[in-house]
Amino acid sequence: MRVVLTREAQKQIDDLPRVIQARIYAVLVRLRGWPNVSGAKALKGALAGYYRIRTGDYRIQFHVEEAQILIVVVKVGHRDGFYE
């Protein structure tokens, strides 16, 4: 499975401290093993069809495009206000 970042997600990662960036990138490498990834949770309501995975106080929001064998990361950020 290939993992790609939207421009917004890449900017959000770039704005984080280096130590957090390293943790985020480690999770992105794990996502290549989809669907055998522990800790991913399907979101509900307005975010149905998306998943989130966490690393400490940070969250990564993504969706899976099965037809293209692709995971698209759309948002990365601190848990405070992440789902708004």
PDB file of N, CA and C in Angstrom:
ATOM      1  N   MET A   1       0.859  -1.172   0.000  1.00  0.00           N
ATOM      2  CA  MET A   1       0.000   0.000   0.000  1.00  0.00           C
ATOM      3  C   MET A   1       0.908   1.238   0.000  1.00  0.00           C
ATOM      4  N   ARG A   2       0.550   2.201  -0.797  1.00  0.00           N
ATOM      5  CA  ARG A   2       1.312   3.448  -0.886  1.00  0.00           C
ATOM      6  C   ARG A   2       0.645   4.515  -0.025  1.00  0.00           C
ATOM      7  N   VAL A   3       1.436   5.297   0.683  1.00  0.00           N
ATOM      8  CA  VAL A   3       0.928   6.375   1.531  1.00  0.00           C
ATOM      9  C   VAL A   3       1.334   7.707   0.917  1.00  0.00           C
ATOM     10  N   VAL A   4       0.346   8.590   0.691  1.00  0.00           N
ATOM     11  CA  VAL A   4       0.628   9.922   0.166  1.00  0.00           C
ATOM     12  C   VAL A   4       0.037  10.957   1.113  1.00  0.00           C
ATOM     13  N   LEU A   5       0.629  12.140   1.107  1.00  0.00           N
ATOM     14  CA  LEU A   5       0.171  13.242   1.954  1.00  0.00           C
ATOM     15  C   LEU A   5      -0.425  14.342   1.087  1.00  0.00           C
ATOM     16  N   THR A   6      -1.515  14.932   1.553  1.00  0.00           N
ATOM     17  CA  THR A   6      -2.006  16.130   0.886  1.00  0.00           C
ATOM     18  C   THR A   6      -1.017  17.256   1.200  1.00  0.00           C
ATOM     19  N   ARG A   7      -1.080  18.335   0.449  1.00  0.00           N
ATOM     20  CA  ARG A   7      -0.191  19.478   0.727  1.00  0.00           C
ATOM     21  C   ARG A   7      -0.429  20.014   2.127  1.00  0.00           C
ATOM     22  N   GLU A   8      -1.699  20.064   2.525  1.00  0.00           N
ATOM     23  CA  GLU A   8      -2.041  20.563   3.863  1.00  0.00           C
ATOM     24  C   GLU A   8      -1.438  19.677   4.950  1.00  0.00           C
ATOM     25  N   ALA A   9      -1.547  18.361   4.781  1.00  0.00           N
ATOM     26  CA  ALA A   9      -0.982  17.441   5.768  1.00  0.00           C
ATOM     27  C   ALA A   9       0.540  17.597   5.846  1.00  0.00           C
ATOM     28  N   GLN A  10       1.201  17.739   4.695  1.00  0.00           N
ATOM     29  CA  GLN A  10       2.655  17.914   4.690  1.00  0.00           C
ATOM     30  C   GLN A  10       3.045  19.196   5.420  1.00  0.00           C
ATOM     31  N   LYS A  11       2.294  20.275   5.207  1.00  0.00           N
ATOM     32  CA  LYS A  11       2.582  21.535   5.887  1.00  0.00           C
ATOM     33  C   LYS A  11       2.379  21.388   7.394  1.00  0.00           C
ATOM     34  N   GLN A  12       1.333  20.667   7.782  1.00  0.00           N
ATOM     35  CA  GLN A  12       1.072  20.448   9.204  1.00  0.00           C
ATOM     36  C   GLN A  12       2.226  19.681   9.844  1.00  0.00           C
ATOM     37  N   ILE A  13       2.753  18.692   9.156  1.00  0.00           N
ATOM     38  CA  ILE A  13       3.903  17.937   9.674  1.00  0.00           C
ATOM     39  C   ILE A  13       5.127  18.834   9.752  1.00  0.00           C
ATOM     40  N   ASP A  14       5.375  19.624   8.709  1.00  0.00           N
ATOM     41  CA  ASP A  14       6.548  20.502   8.678  1.00  0.00           C
ATOM     42  C   ASP A  14       6.545  21.509   9.824  1.00  0.00           C
ATOM     43  N   ASP A  15       5.359  21.890  10.297  1.00  0.00           N
ATOM     44  CA  ASP A  15       5.245  22.867  11.379  1.00  0.00           C
ATOM     45  C   ASP A  15       5.445  22.260  12.766  1.00  0.00           C
ATOM     46  N   LEU A  16       5.555  20.938  12.850  1.00  0.00           N
ATOM     47  CA  LEU A  16       5.720  20.272  14.147  1.00  0.00           C
ATOM     48  C   LEU A  16       7.191  20.205  14.543  1.00  0.00           C
ATOM     49  N   PRO A  17       7.474  20.045  15.839  1.00  0.00           N
ATOM     50  CA  PRO A  17       8.869  19.845  16.277  1.00  0.00           C
ATOM     51  C   PRO A  17       9.451  18.567  15.655  1.00  0.00           C
ATOM     52  N   ARG A  18      10.744  18.559  15.447  1.00  0.00           N
ATOM     53  CA  ARG A  18      11.414  17.438  14.770  1.00  0.00           C
ATOM     54  C   ARG A  18      11.132  16.087  15.439  1.00  0.00           C
ATOM     55  N   VAL A  19      11.115  16.042  16.754  1.00  0.00           N
ATOM     56  CA  VAL A  19      10.896  14.776  17.455  1.00  0.00           C
ATOM     57  C   VAL A  19       9.491  14.241  17.158  1.00  0.00           C
ATOM     58  N   ILE A  20       8.505  15.110  17.051  1.00  0.00           N
ATOM     59  CA  ILE A  20       7.139  14.700  16.716  1.00  0.00           C
ATOM     60  C   ILE A  20       7.072  14.287  15.251  1.00  0.00           C
ATOM     61  N   GLN A  21       7.774  15.003  14.383  1.00  0.00           N
ATOM     62  CA  GLN A  21       7.815  14.632  12.966  1.00  0.00           C
ATOM     63  C   GLN A  21       8.324  13.203  12.805  1.00  0.00           C
ATOM     64  N   ALA A  22       9.356  12.851  13.545  1.00  0.00           N
ATOM     65  CA  ALA A  22       9.929  11.503  13.456  1.00  0.00           C
ATOM     66  C   ALA A  22       8.891  10.455  13.858  1.00  0.00           C
ATOM     67  N   ARG A  23       8.126  10.748  14.902  1.00  0.00           N
ATOM     68  CA  ARG A  23       7.080   9.817  15.337  1.00  0.00           C
ATOM     69  C   ARG A  23       5.986   9.693  14.282  1.00  0.00           C
ATOM     70  N   ILE A  24       5.614  10.811  13.673  1.00  0.00           N
ATOM     71  CA  ILE A  24       4.586  10.801  12.627  1.00  0.00           C
ATOM     72  C   ILE A  24       5.059   9.965  11.443  1.00  0.00           C
ATOM     73  N   TYR A  25       6.291  10.183  11.003  1.00  0.00           N
ATOM     74  CA  TYR A  25       6.806   9.428   9.860  1.00  0.00           C
ATOM     75  C   TYR A  25       6.906   7.940  10.163  1.00  0.00           C
ATOM     76  N   ALA A  26       7.205   7.573  11.406  1.00  0.00           N
ATOM     77  CA  ALA A  26       7.241   6.161  11.785  1.00  0.00           C
ATOM     78  C   ALA A  26       5.850   5.536  11.645  1.00  0.00           C
ATOM     79  N   VAL A  27       4.816   6.275  12.011  1.00  0.00           N
ATOM     80  CA  VAL A  27       3.440   5.779  11.856  1.00  0.00           C
ATOM     81  C   VAL A  27       3.089   5.664  10.383  1.00  0.00           C
ATOM     82  N   LEU A  28       3.513   6.625   9.573  1.00  0.00           N
ATOM     83  CA  LEU A  28       3.225   6.568   8.138  1.00  0.00           C
ATOM     84  C   LEU A  28       3.853   5.333   7.507  1.00  0.00           C
ATOM     85  N   VAL A  29       5.034   4.947   7.958  1.00  0.00           N
ATOM     86  CA  VAL A  29       5.673   3.727   7.460  1.00  0.00           C
ATOM     87  C   VAL A  29       4.832   2.513   7.857  1.00  0.00           C
ATOM     88  N   ARG A  30       4.313   2.506   9.083  1.00  0.00           N
ATOM     89  CA  ARG A  30       3.446   1.409   9.538  1.00  0.00           C
ATOM     90  C   ARG A  30       2.191   1.307   8.686  1.00  0.00           C
ATOM     91  N   LEU A  31       1.658   2.450   8.237  1.00  0.00           N
ATOM     92  CA  LEU A  31       0.429   2.446   7.447  1.00  0.00           C
ATOM     93  C   LEU A  31       0.581   1.713   6.115  1.00  0.00           C
ATOM     94  N   ARG A  32       1.798   1.560   5.641  1.00  0.00           N
ATOM     95  CA  ARG A  32       2.022   0.820   4.390  1.00  0.00           C
ATOM     96  C   ARG A  32       1.522  -0.615   4.505  1.00  0.00           C
ATOM     97  N   GLY A  33       1.441  -1.129   5.733  1.00  0.00           N
ATOM     98  CA  GLY A  33       0.981  -2.493   5.954  1.00  0.00           C
ATOM     99  C   GLY A  33      -0.521  -2.637   6.058  1.00  0.00           C
ATOM    100  N   TRP A  34      -1.271  -1.602   5.670  1.00  0.00           N
ATOM    101  CA  TRP A  34      -2.736  -1.626   5.761  1.00  0.00           C
ATOM    102  C   TRP A  34      -3.273  -2.849   5.038  1.00  0.00           C
ATOM    103  N   PRO A  35      -4.212  -3.582   5.589  1.00  0.00           N
ATOM    104  CA  PRO A  35      -5.057  -3.333   6.754  1.00  0.00           C
ATOM    105  C   PRO A  35      -4.525  -3.929   8.049  1.00  0.00           C
ATOM    106  N   ASN A  36      -3.326  -4.463   8.035  1.00  0.00           N
ATOM    107  CA  ASN A  36      -2.754  -5.080   9.238  1.00  0.00           C
ATOM    108  C   ASN A  36      -2.038  -4.046  10.095  1.00  0.00           C
ATOM    109  N   VAL A  37      -2.739  -2.966  10.447  1.00  0.00           N
ATOM    110  CA  VAL A  37      -2.170  -1.876  11.242  1.00  0.00           C
ATOM    111  C   VAL A  37      -2.963  -1.780  12.539  1.00  0.00           C
ATOM    112  N   SER A  38      -2.285  -1.924  13.650  1.00  0.00           N
ATOM    113  CA  SER A  38      -2.990  -1.819  14.922  1.00  0.00           C
ATOM    114  C   SER A  38      -3.164  -0.353  15.308  1.00  0.00           C
ATOM    115  N   GLY A  39      -4.257  -0.055  15.989  1.00  0.00           N
ATOM    116  CA  GLY A  39      -4.482   1.285  16.502  1.00  0.00           C
ATOM    117  C   GLY A  39      -5.270   2.206  15.606  1.00  0.00           C
ATOM    118  N   ALA A  40      -5.576   1.804  14.371  1.00  0.00           N
ATOM    119  CA  ALA A  40      -6.371   2.656  13.479  1.00  0.00           C
ATOM    120  C   ALA A  40      -7.836   2.514  13.871  1.00  0.00           C
ATOM    121  N   LYS A  41      -8.544   3.632  13.892  1.00  0.00           N
ATOM    122  CA  LYS A  41      -9.949   3.641  14.286  1.00  0.00           C
ATOM    123  C   LYS A  41     -10.772   4.323  13.198  1.00  0.00           C
ATOM    124  N   ALA A  42     -11.876   3.684  12.819  1.00  0.00           N
ATOM    125  CA  ALA A  42     -12.786   4.283  11.839  1.00  0.00           C
ATOM    126  C   ALA A  42     -13.531   5.436  12.505  1.00  0.00           C
ATOM    127  N   LEU A  43     -13.644   6.548  11.794  1.00  0.00           N
ATOM    128  CA  LEU A  43     -14.361   7.707  12.320  1.00  0.00           C
ATOM    129  C   LEU A  43     -15.833   7.631  11.920  1.00  0.00           C
ATOM    130  N   LYS A  44     -16.669   8.356  12.661  1.00  0.00           N
ATOM    131  CA  LYS A  44     -18.120   8.297  12.456  1.00  0.00           C
ATOM    132  C   LYS A  44     -18.664   9.675  12.120  1.00  0.00           C
ATOM    133  N   GLY A  45     -19.962   9.714  11.846  1.00  0.00           N
ATOM    134  CA  GLY A  45     -20.647  10.975  11.585  1.00  0.00           C
ATOM    135  C   GLY A  45     -20.161  11.632  10.312  1.00  0.00           C
ATOM    136  N   ALA A  46     -19.858  12.929  10.407  1.00  0.00           N
ATOM    137  CA  ALA A  46     -19.418  13.700   9.243  1.00  0.00           C
ATOM    138  C   ALA A  46     -18.089  13.192   8.690  1.00  0.00           C
ATOM    139  N   LEU A  47     -17.332  12.468   9.510  1.00  0.00           N
ATOM    140  CA  LEU A  47     -16.029  11.964   9.076  1.00  0.00           C
ATOM    141  C   LEU A  47     -16.073  10.483   8.698  1.00  0.00           C
ATOM    142  N   ALA A  48     -17.271   9.945   8.500  1.00  0.00           N
ATOM    143  CA  ALA A  48     -17.400   8.543   8.096  1.00  0.00           C
ATOM    144  C   ALA A  48     -16.612   8.315   6.808  1.00  0.00           C
ATOM    145  N   GLY A  49     -15.928   7.187   6.738  1.00  0.00           N
ATOM    146  CA  GLY A  49     -15.089   6.883   5.581  1.00  0.00           C
ATOM    147  C   GLY A  49     -13.629   7.219   5.818  1.00  0.00           C
ATOM    148  N   TYR A  50     -13.363   7.943   6.917  1.00  0.00           N
ATOM    149  CA  TYR A  50     -11.994   8.291   7.297  1.00  0.00           C
ATOM    150  C   TYR A  50     -11.586   7.468   8.510  1.00  0.00           C
ATOM    151  N   TYR A  51     -10.291   7.387   8.712  1.00  0.00           N
ATOM    152  CA  TYR A  51      -9.724   6.709   9.868  1.00  0.00           C
ATOM    153  C   TYR A  51      -8.801   7.674  10.581  1.00  0.00           C
ATOM    154  N   ARG A  52      -8.491   7.324  11.827  1.00  0.00           N
ATOM    155  CA  ARG A  52      -7.460   8.069  12.537  1.00  0.00           C
ATOM    156  C   ARG A  52      -6.561   7.069  13.232  1.00  0.00           C
ATOM    157  N   ILE A  53      -5.330   7.461  13.355  1.00  0.00           N
ATOM    158  CA  ILE A  53      -4.362   6.696  14.133  1.00  0.00           C
ATOM    159  C   ILE A  53      -3.614   7.708  14.977  1.00  0.00           C
ATOM    160  N   ARG A  54      -3.252   7.326  16.175  1.00  0.00           N
ATOM    161  CA  ARG A  54      -2.630   8.289  17.073  1.00  0.00           C
ATOM    162  C   ARG A  54      -1.209   7.888  17.425  1.00  0.00           C
ATOM    163  N   THR A  55      -0.446   8.895  17.770  1.00  0.00           N
ATOM    164  CA  THR A  55       0.888   8.712  18.322  1.00  0.00           C
ATOM    165  C   THR A  55       1.033   9.764  19.412  1.00  0.00           C
ATOM    166  N   GLY A  56       0.955   9.331  20.647  1.00  0.00           N
ATOM    167  CA  GLY A  56       0.966  10.269  21.769  1.00  0.00           C
ATOM    168  C   GLY A  56      -0.245  11.174  21.698  1.00  0.00           C
ATOM    169  N   ASP A  57      -0.034  12.475  21.781  1.00  0.00           N
ATOM    170  CA  ASP A  57      -1.119  13.454  21.727  1.00  0.00           C
ATOM    171  C   ASP A  57      -1.433  13.910  20.308  1.00  0.00           C
ATOM    172  N   TYR A  58      -0.847  13.293  19.307  1.00  0.00           N
ATOM    173  CA  TYR A  58      -1.045  13.699  17.917  1.00  0.00           C
ATOM    174  C   TYR A  58      -1.861  12.660  17.167  1.00  0.00           C
ATOM    175  N   ARG A  59      -2.595  13.132  16.179  1.00  0.00           N
ATOM    176  CA  ARG A  59      -3.467  12.284  15.386  1.00  0.00           C
ATOM    177  C   ARG A  59      -3.148  12.437  13.907  1.00  0.00           C
ATOM    178  N   ILE A  60      -3.369  11.357  13.171  1.00  0.00           N
ATOM    179  CA  ILE A  60      -3.217  11.345  11.723  1.00  0.00           C
ATOM    180  C   ILE A  60      -4.559  10.887  11.163  1.00  0.00           C
ATOM    181  N   GLN A  61      -5.161  11.712  10.340  1.00  0.00           N
ATOM    182  CA  GLN A  61      -6.444  11.371   9.715  1.00  0.00           C
ATOM    183  C   GLN A  61      -6.186  10.989   8.268  1.00  0.00           C
ATOM    184  N   PHE A  62      -6.791   9.876   7.835  1.00  0.00           N
ATOM    185  CA  PHE A  62      -6.552   9.401   6.475  1.00  0.00           C
ATOM    186  C   PHE A  62      -7.764   8.646   5.955  1.00  0.00           C
ATOM    187  N   HIS A  63      -7.768   8.428   4.656  1.00  0.00           N
ATOM    188  CA  HIS A  63      -8.757   7.546   4.045  1.00  0.00           C
ATOM    189  C   HIS A  63      -8.032   6.615   3.087  1.00  0.00           C
ATOM    190  N   VAL A  64      -8.685   5.503   2.798  1.00  0.00           N
ATOM    191  CA  VAL A  64      -8.075   4.463   1.974  1.00  0.00           C
ATOM    192  C   VAL A  64      -8.793   4.421   0.638  1.00  0.00           C
ATOM    193  N   GLU A  65      -8.024   4.459  -0.424  1.00  0.00           N
ATOM    194  CA  GLU A  65      -8.559   4.306  -1.779  1.00  0.00           C
ATOM    195  C   GLU A  65      -8.142   2.927  -2.271  1.00  0.00           C
ATOM    196  N   GLU A  66      -9.013   1.949  -2.020  1.00  0.00           N
ATOM    197  CA  GLU A  66      -8.708   0.547  -2.330  1.00  0.00           C
ATOM    198  C   GLU A  66      -8.404   0.334  -3.805  1.00  0.00           C
ATOM    199  N   ALA A  67      -9.162   0.980  -4.670  1.00  0.00           N
ATOM    200  CA  ALA A  67      -8.989   0.766  -6.109  1.00  0.00           C
ATOM    201  C   ALA A  67      -7.584   1.150  -6.566  1.00  0.00           C
ATOM    202  N   GLN A  68      -6.998   2.155  -5.928  1.00  0.00           N
ATOM    203  CA  GLN A  68      -5.668   2.611  -6.322  1.00  0.00           C
ATOM    204  C   GLN A  68      -4.583   2.103  -5.371  1.00  0.00           C
ATOM    205  N   ILE A  69      -4.981   1.281  -4.399  1.00  0.00           N
ATOM    206  CA  ILE A  69      -4.060   0.767  -3.389  1.00  0.00           C
ATOM    207  C   ILE A  69      -3.281   1.941  -2.789  1.00  0.00           C
ATOM    208  N   LEU A  70      -4.023   2.879  -2.217  1.00  0.00           N
ATOM    209  CA  LEU A  70      -3.464   4.159  -1.789  1.00  0.00           C
ATOM    210  C   LEU A  70      -4.074   4.601  -0.472  1.00  0.00           C
ATOM    211  N   ILE A  71      -3.250   5.113   0.413  1.00  0.00           N
ATOM    212  CA  ILE A  71      -3.710   5.750   1.644  1.00  0.00           C
ATOM    213  C   ILE A  71      -3.389   7.225   1.517  1.00  0.00           C
ATOM    214  N   VAL A  72      -4.406   8.070   1.681  1.00  0.00           N
ATOM    215  CA  VAL A  72      -4.236   9.510   1.548  1.00  0.00           C
ATOM    216  C   VAL A  72      -4.350  10.138   2.932  1.00  0.00           C
ATOM    217  N   VAL A  73      -3.260  10.721   3.416  1.00  0.00           N
ATOM    218  CA  VAL A  73      -3.256  11.404   4.701  1.00  0.00           C
ATOM    219  C   VAL A  73      -3.724  12.826   4.460  1.00  0.00           C
ATOM    220  N   VAL A  74      -4.809  13.212   5.140  1.00  0.00           N
ATOM    221  CA  VAL A  74      -5.396  14.520   4.895  1.00  0.00           C
ATOM    222  C   VAL A  74      -5.192  15.509   6.027  1.00  0.00           C
ATOM    223  N   LYS A  75      -4.863  15.026   7.224  1.00  0.00           N
ATOM    224  CA  LYS A  75      -4.716  15.935   8.354  1.00  0.00           C
ATOM    225  C   LYS A  75      -3.808  15.324   9.397  1.00  0.00           C
ATOM    226  N   VAL A  76      -2.972  16.175  10.000  1.00  0.00           N
ATOM    227  CA  VAL A  76      -2.074  15.767  11.078  1.00  0.00           C
ATOM    228  C   VAL A  76      -2.095  16.876  12.103  1.00  0.00           C
ATOM    229  N   GLY A  77      -2.260  16.526  13.371  1.00  0.00           N
ATOM    230  CA  GLY A  77      -2.251  17.581  14.377  1.00  0.00           C
ATOM    231  C   GLY A  77      -2.437  17.082  15.787  1.00  0.00           C
ATOM    232  N   HIS A  78      -2.363  18.005  16.724  1.00  0.00           N
ATOM    233  CA  HIS A  78      -2.552  17.730  18.139  1.00  0.00           C
ATOM    234  C   HIS A  78      -4.007  17.376  18.382  1.00  0.00           C
ATOM    235  N   ARG A  79      -4.258  16.564  19.381  1.00  0.00           N
ATOM    236  CA  ARG A  79      -5.609  16.081  19.619  1.00  0.00           C
ATOM    237  C   ARG A  79      -6.591  17.192  19.990  1.00  0.00           C
ATOM    238  N   ASP A  80      -6.102  18.285  20.563  1.00  0.00           N
ATOM    239  CA  ASP A  80      -6.984  19.409  20.915  1.00  0.00           C
ATOM    240  C   ASP A  80      -7.550  20.033  19.651  1.00  0.00           C
ATOM    241  N   GLY A  81      -8.835  19.905  19.450  1.00  0.00           N
ATOM    242  CA  GLY A  81      -9.489  20.484  18.295  1.00  0.00           C
ATOM    243  C   GLY A  81      -9.271  19.744  16.990  1.00  0.00           C
ATOM    244  N   PHE A  82      -8.717  18.560  17.052  1.00  0.00           N
ATOM    245  CA  PHE A  82      -8.372  17.819  15.829  1.00  0.00           C
ATOM    246  C   PHE A  82      -9.602  17.484  14.989  1.00  0.00           C
ATOM    247  N   TYR A  83     -10.708  17.181  15.628  1.00  0.00           N
ATOM    248  CA  TYR A  83     -11.891  16.696  14.888  1.00  0.00           C
ATOM    249  C   TYR A  83     -12.858  17.810  14.534  1.00  0.00           C
ATOM    250  N   GLU A  84     -12.509  19.047  14.778  1.00  0.00           N
ATOM    251  CA  GLU A  84     -13.394  20.174  14.472  1.00  0.00           C
ATOM    252  C   GLU A  84     -13.247  20.605  13.036  1.00  0.00           C
TER     253      GLU A  84
END
